[in-house]
């Protein structure tokens, strides 16, 4: 299993619009082989900023890499350049290979 995360630092005044953007988008994830699940997470608010993280679980790192090279990926991120103003800087990517899974 492979977990891909992007962290976003969002000014508090943009948090509602940022959430609406994510909740209203068509991710195309379910079309992808190896996709397991997705979570958009809202974290703590500190000093006028809210931490958000996208959390995607894949069957393998290869399945995730295939997603990043797919037409579905390009379609789901087509508006990314126009929404950067809602968060500070670039998203911070973190990828993790699972070494233990307890369900």
Foldseek 3Di string as FASTA:
>chain_A
DKKKKWKFKFFLVLVVVVVCVVVPFDQCQVVFPFWDDKDWDWADDDPRITMIMIITGGNDVVSVVVCCVDPSRCVRCVCVVVCPVRTPDGIDMDMDDDPDDDD
